[in-house]
C-alpha atoms as a PDB file:
ATOM      1  CA  MET A   1       2.413  -1.380   9.656  1.00  0.00           C
ATOM      2  CA  PRO A   2       2.028   1.731   8.037  1.00  0.00           C
ATOM      3  CA  GLU A   3       2.744   5.252   9.051  1.00  0.00           C
ATOM      4  CA  THR A   4      -0.466   6.597  10.988  1.00  0.00           C
ATOM      5  CA  ILE A   5      -1.926   9.795   9.247  1.00  0.00           C
ATOM      6  CA  GLY A   6      -4.593  11.899  10.724  1.00  0.00           C
ATOM      7  CA  PRO A   7      -7.789  11.999  10.177  1.00  0.00           C
ATOM      8  CA  ALA A   8      -9.589  13.469   6.737  1.00  0.00           C
ATOM      9  CA  ILE A   9     -12.958  14.992   5.875  1.00  0.00           C
ATOM     10  CA  GLN A  10     -14.256  13.468   2.486  1.00  0.00           C
ATOM     11  CA  SER A  11     -17.322  13.461   0.376  1.00  0.00           C
ATOM     12  CA  VAL A  12     -19.086  10.816  -0.333  1.00  0.00           C
ATOM     13  CA  THR A  13     -20.867  11.135  -3.804  1.00  0.00           C
ATOM     14  CA  ASP A  14     -23.332   8.943  -4.896  1.00  0.00           C
ATOM     15  CA  GLY A  15     -22.268   6.467  -2.761  1.00  0.00           C
ATOM     16  CA  ARG A  16     -18.304   6.848  -3.703  1.00  0.00           C
ATOM     17  CA  LEU A  17     -15.694   7.555  -1.815  1.00  0.00           C
ATOM     18  CA  THR A  18     -12.552   8.881  -2.898  1.00  0.00           C
ATOM     19  CA  PHE A  19      -9.702   8.502  -0.715  1.00  0.00           C
ATOM     20  CA  LYS A  20      -6.658  10.868  -0.685  1.00  0.00           C
ATOM     21  CA  LYS A  21      -3.390   9.608  -1.950  1.00  0.00           C
ATOM     22  CA  ALA A  22      -2.010   9.284   1.592  1.00  0.00           C
ATOM     23  CA  HIS A  23      -5.108   7.104   2.677  1.00  0.00           C
ATOM     24  CA  LEU A  24      -4.490   4.768  -0.121  1.00  0.00           C
ATOM     25  CA  GLU A  25      -0.436   4.265   0.230  1.00  0.00           C
ATOM     26  CA  TYR A  26      -1.390   3.836   4.244  1.00  0.00           C
ATOM     27  CA  LEU A  27      -3.334   0.917   3.045  1.00  0.00           C
ATOM     28  CA  GLY A  28      -0.977  -0.147   0.849  1.00  0.00           C
ATOM     29  CA  ASN A  29      -2.162   0.955  -2.788  1.00  0.00           C
ATOM     30  CA  PRO A  30      -4.739  -1.951  -3.111  1.00  0.00           C
ATOM     31  CA  GLU A  31      -6.776  -2.388  -6.157  1.00  0.00           C
ATOM     32  CA  CYS A  32      -9.736  -3.703  -4.322  1.00  0.00           C
ATOM     33  CA  VAL A  33     -10.187  -3.232  -0.212  1.00  0.00           C
ATOM     34  CA  ASP A  34     -12.613  -5.195   2.083  1.00  0.00           C
ATOM     35  CA  VAL A  35     -15.267  -3.071   3.996  1.00  0.00           C
ATOM     36  CA  THR A  36     -16.768  -4.008   7.176  1.00  0.00           C
ATOM     37  CA  PHE A  37     -18.726  -3.085   9.967  1.00  0.00           C
ATOM     38  CA  GLY A  38     -16.513  -1.107  12.635  1.00  0.00           C
ATOM     39  CA  PRO A  39     -17.151   0.340  16.288  1.00  0.00           C
ATOM     40  CA  GLY A  40     -20.382   1.989  16.808  1.00  0.00           C
ATOM     41  CA  ARG A  41     -22.114   3.350  13.410  1.00  0.00           C
ATOM     42  CA  SER A  42     -18.686   3.268  11.538  1.00  0.00           C
ATOM     43  CA  ILE A  43     -17.460   1.279   8.909  1.00  0.00           C
ATOM     44  CA  LEU A  44     -14.077  -0.316   8.182  1.00  0.00           C
ATOM     45  CA  ILE A  45     -11.853   0.139   5.322  1.00  0.00           C
ATOM     46  CA  HIS A  46      -9.121  -2.647   5.019  1.00  0.00           C
ATOM     47  CA  ASN A  47      -6.065  -3.839   3.264  1.00  0.00           C
ATOM     48  CA  PRO A  48      -7.661  -7.154   2.313  1.00  0.00           C
ATOM     49  CA  GLN A  49      -4.632  -9.351   3.079  1.00  0.00           C
ATOM     50  CA  ARG A  50      -3.867  -7.185   6.809  1.00  0.00           C
ATOM     51  CA  ARG A  51      -7.205  -8.150   7.270  1.00  0.00           C
ATOM     52  CA  GLN A  52      -6.875 -11.750   6.557  1.00  0.00           C
ATOM     53  CA  GLU A  53      -3.711 -11.701   8.807  1.00  0.00           C
ATOM     54  CA  LEU A  54      -5.667  -9.801  11.421  1.00  0.00           C
ATOM     55  CA  LEU A  55      -8.143 -12.955  11.609  1.00  0.00           C
ATOM     56  CA  ASP A  56      -5.732 -15.626  11.814  1.00  0.00           C
ATOM     57  CA  MET A  57      -4.146 -14.253  14.785  1.00  0.00           C
ATOM     58  CA  LEU A  58      -7.451 -13.674  16.493  1.00  0.00           C
ATOM     59  CA  LEU A  59      -9.588 -16.764  15.328  1.00  0.00           C
ATOM     60  CA  ALA A  60      -6.845 -19.164  15.812  1.00  0.00           C
ATOM     61  CA  ASP A  61      -8.556 -21.205  18.516  1.00  0.00           C
ATOM     62  CA  GLU A  62      -6.357 -24.719  19.422  1.00  0.00           C
ATOM     63  CA  GLU A  63      -8.585 -25.739  21.837  1.00  0.00           C
ATOM     64  CA  GLY A  64     -11.760 -25.549  19.332  1.00  0.00           C
ATOM     65  CA  LEU A  65     -13.996 -23.950  22.061  1.00  0.00           C
ATOM     66  CA  LEU A  66     -16.801 -21.687  21.281  1.00  0.00           C
ATOM     67  CA  ASP A  67     -15.926 -18.177  22.525  1.00  0.00           C
ATOM     68  CA  GLU A  68     -18.113 -15.110  22.426  1.00  0.00           C
ATOM     69  CA  ASP A  69     -14.986 -12.653  21.582  1.00  0.00           C
ATOM     70  CA  GLN A  70     -13.840 -14.739  18.697  1.00  0.00           C
ATOM     71  CA  ASN A  71     -18.039 -15.042  17.175  1.00  0.00           C
ATOM     72  CA  GLN A  72     -17.827 -11.209  17.772  1.00  0.00           C
ATOM     73  CA  ILE A  73     -14.680 -10.567  15.930  1.00  0.00           C
ATOM     74  CA  GLU A  74     -15.782 -13.148  13.066  1.00  0.00           C
ATOM     75  CA  LEU A  75     -19.346 -11.776  12.544  1.00  0.00           C
ATOM     76  CA  ARG A  76     -17.782  -8.005  12.036  1.00  0.00           C
ATOM     77  CA  LEU A  77     -14.509  -8.323  10.629  1.00  0.00           C
ATOM     78  CA  ASP A  78     -15.090 -11.653   8.518  1.00  0.00           C
ATOM     79  CA  SER A  79     -18.548 -12.645   7.748  1.00  0.00           C
ATOM     80  CA  LEU A  80     -19.813  -9.497   6.912  1.00  0.00           C
ATOM     81  CA  ALA A  81     -16.618  -8.256   5.105  1.00  0.00           C
ATOM     82  CA  ASP A  82     -17.536  -7.090   1.041  1.00  0.00           C
ATOM     83  CA  PRO A  83     -14.882  -6.605  -1.306  1.00  0.00           C
ATOM     84  CA  ALA A  84     -14.783  -3.028  -2.786  1.00  0.00           C
ATOM     85  CA  PRO A  85     -12.979  -2.409  -6.280  1.00  0.00           C
ATOM     86  CA  VAL A  86     -10.512   0.987  -6.217  1.00  0.00           C
ATOM     87  CA  ASP A  87     -10.539   2.348  -9.647  1.00  0.00           C
ATOM     88  CA  GLU A  88      -7.591   4.598 -11.136  1.00  0.00           C
ATOM     89  CA  GLN A  89      -8.577   7.874  -9.470  1.00  0.00           C
ATOM     90  CA  GLY A  90      -8.572   6.162  -5.983  1.00  0.00           C
ATOM     91  CA  ARG A  91     -12.247   5.482  -5.550  1.00  0.00           C
ATOM     92  CA  MET A  92     -14.630   2.859  -4.314  1.00  0.00           C
ATOM     93  CA  ARG A  93     -18.186   2.350  -4.170  1.00  0.00           C
ATOM     94  CA  ILE A  94     -19.316   2.030  -0.796  1.00  0.00           C
ATOM     95  CA  PRO A  95     -21.467  -1.435  -0.916  1.00  0.00           C
ATOM     96  CA  PRO A  96     -25.394  -0.509   0.128  1.00  0.00           C
ATOM     97  CA  VAL A  97     -25.434  -1.778   3.669  1.00  0.00           C
ATOM     98  CA  TYR A  98     -22.407   0.053   4.812  1.00  0.00           C
ATOM     99  CA  LEU A  99     -23.437   3.111   3.319  1.00  0.00           C
ATOM    100  CA  ASN A 100     -26.874   2.582   5.269  1.00  0.00           C
ATOM    101  CA  ARG A 101     -25.050   1.827   8.264  1.00  0.00           C
ATOM    102  CA  LEU A 102     -23.220   5.461   8.243  1.00  0.00           C
ATOM    103  CA  ARG A 103     -26.780   7.238   8.047  1.00  0.00           C
ATOM    104  CA  LEU A 104     -25.461   9.822   5.504  1.00  0.00           C
ATOM    105  CA  PRO A 105     -28.045  12.465   3.952  1.00  0.00           C
ATOM    106  CA  GLU A 106     -28.574  11.970   0.332  1.00  0.00           C
ATOM    107  CA  LYS A 107     -26.799  14.750  -1.329  1.00  0.00           C
ATOM    108  CA  GLY A 108     -23.516  16.269  -0.184  1.00  0.00           C
ATOM    109  CA  ALA A 109     -22.431  13.878   2.723  1.00  0.00           C
ATOM    110  CA  LYS A 110     -19.180  14.544   4.332  1.00  0.00           C
ATOM    111  CA  VAL A 111     -17.456  11.686   6.212  1.00  0.00           C
ATOM    112  CA  TYR A 112     -14.444  11.181   8.377  1.00  0.00           C
ATOM    113  CA  LEU A 113     -11.545   9.249   7.529  1.00  0.00           C
ATOM    114  CA  VAL A 114      -9.539   7.624  10.623  1.00  0.00           C
ATOM    115  CA  PRO A 115      -6.506   5.421  10.221  1.00  0.00           C
ATOM    116  CA  ARG A 116      -6.045   3.078  12.743  1.00  0.00           C
ATOM    117  CA  ARG A 117      -2.738   2.535  13.093  1.00  0.00           C
ATOM    118  CA  ARG A 118      -2.488  -0.563  15.446  1.00  0.00           C
ATOM    119  CA  ASN A 119      -4.809  -2.867  13.009  1.00  0.00           C
ATOM    120  CA  GLY A 120      -4.183  -1.263   9.734  1.00  0.00           C
ATOM    121  CA  TRP A 121      -7.420  -0.075   9.003  1.00  0.00           C
ATOM    122  CA  ILE A 122      -9.521   3.074   7.984  1.00  0.00           C
ATOM    123  CA  GLU A 123     -12.587   3.982  10.139  1.00  0.00           C
ATOM    124  CA  VAL A 124     -14.829   5.571   8.372  1.00  0.00           C
ATOM    125  CA  TRP A 125     -17.344   8.090  10.384  1.00  0.00           C
ATOM    126  CA  SER A 126     -20.528  10.678   9.456  1.00  0.00           C
ATOM    127  CA  GLU A 127     -19.477  13.700  10.776  1.00  0.00           C
ATOM    128  CA  ALA A 128     -22.428  13.476  13.402  1.00  0.00           C
ATOM    129  CA  GLU A 129     -21.445  10.138  14.620  1.00  0.00           C
ATOM    130  CA  PHE A 130     -17.991  11.007  14.741  1.00  0.00           C
ATOM    131  CA  ASP A 131     -18.869  13.606  17.356  1.00  0.00           C
ATOM    132  CA  ARG A 132     -20.887  11.253  19.634  1.00  0.00           C
ATOM    133  CA  MET A 133     -17.869   8.312  19.055  1.00  0.00           C
ATOM    134  CA  ILE A 134     -15.388  10.739  20.470  1.00  0.00           C
ATOM    135  CA  ASP A 135     -17.199  11.342  23.863  1.00  0.00           C
ATOM    136  CA  ALA A 136     -19.009   7.666  24.219  1.00  0.00           C
ATOM    137  CA  PRO A 137     -17.198   4.436  25.483  1.00  0.00           C
ATOM    138  CA  ALA A 138     -15.934   1.735  23.325  1.00  0.00           C
ATOM    139  CA  ASP A 139     -19.045  -0.753  22.503  1.00  0.00           C
ATOM    140  CA  VAL A 140     -18.719  -4.335  22.577  1.00  0.00           C
ATOM    141  CA  TRP A 141     -17.356  -5.558  20.123  1.00  0.00           C
ATOM    142  CA  GLN A 142     -14.439  -3.381  20.647  1.00  0.00           C
ATOM    143  CA  VAL A 143     -14.035  -4.467  23.962  1.00  0.00           C
ATOM    144  CA  ALA A 144     -13.910  -8.193  22.334  1.00  0.00           C
ATOM    145  CA  LEU A 145     -11.274  -7.648  20.148  1.00  0.00           C
ATOM    146  CA  ASN A 146      -8.888  -6.171  22.865  1.00  0.00           C
ATOM    147  CA  ARG A 147      -9.310  -9.212  25.310  1.00  0.00           C
ATOM    148  CA  LEU A 148      -8.627 -11.674  22.217  1.00  0.00           C
ATOM    149  CA  VAL A 149      -5.529  -9.316  21.541  1.00  0.00           C
ATOM    150  CA  LEU A 150      -4.339  -9.838  25.267  1.00  0.00           C
ATOM    151  CA  ARG A 151      -4.971 -13.224  25.001  1.00  0.00           C
ATOM    152  CA  ARG A 152      -2.974 -13.823  22.100  1.00  0.00           C
ATOM    153  CA  ARG A 153      -0.429 -11.957  23.787  1.00  0.00           C
ATOM    154  CA  GLY A 154      -0.305 -14.358  26.624  1.00  0.00           C
ATOM    155  CA  THR A 155      -1.951 -11.909  29.321  1.00  0.00           C
ATOM    156  CA  GLN A 156      -4.403 -12.246  31.523  1.00  0.00           C
ATOM    157  CA  VAL A 157      -7.960 -10.751  30.878  1.00  0.00           C
END
């Protein structure tokens, strides 16, 4: 797992986000990242290989039973995933559906990039939503993710 770096404020210009070198290294310097919906009104930026490894662990179901937690995770981290190329300058275009999710102002938008060590992804939050997130409890999908991780470790939930 990559070494954690702290949150950083970055600009989004014309729907494009430019990563700092440390963030690209954190993601493993991919030529393409996966974008998914995160907790609250955030989006997640993933190294595609790490995202797939996480899904393989979380969605493995030996019993073949329908599971609401797995459904939540599959929808957010798999079914709605969108690839986004990263250019030589470390820029990626945020797909419109995810840009809309962030509720950014038209001009001069700032976002927080928050690396999450445990999962190897970077959460992207608008400034206003970042402040709300700090004060709010975890939402349903994050609770589901935690329950799945505990089950995979053999811990009773």
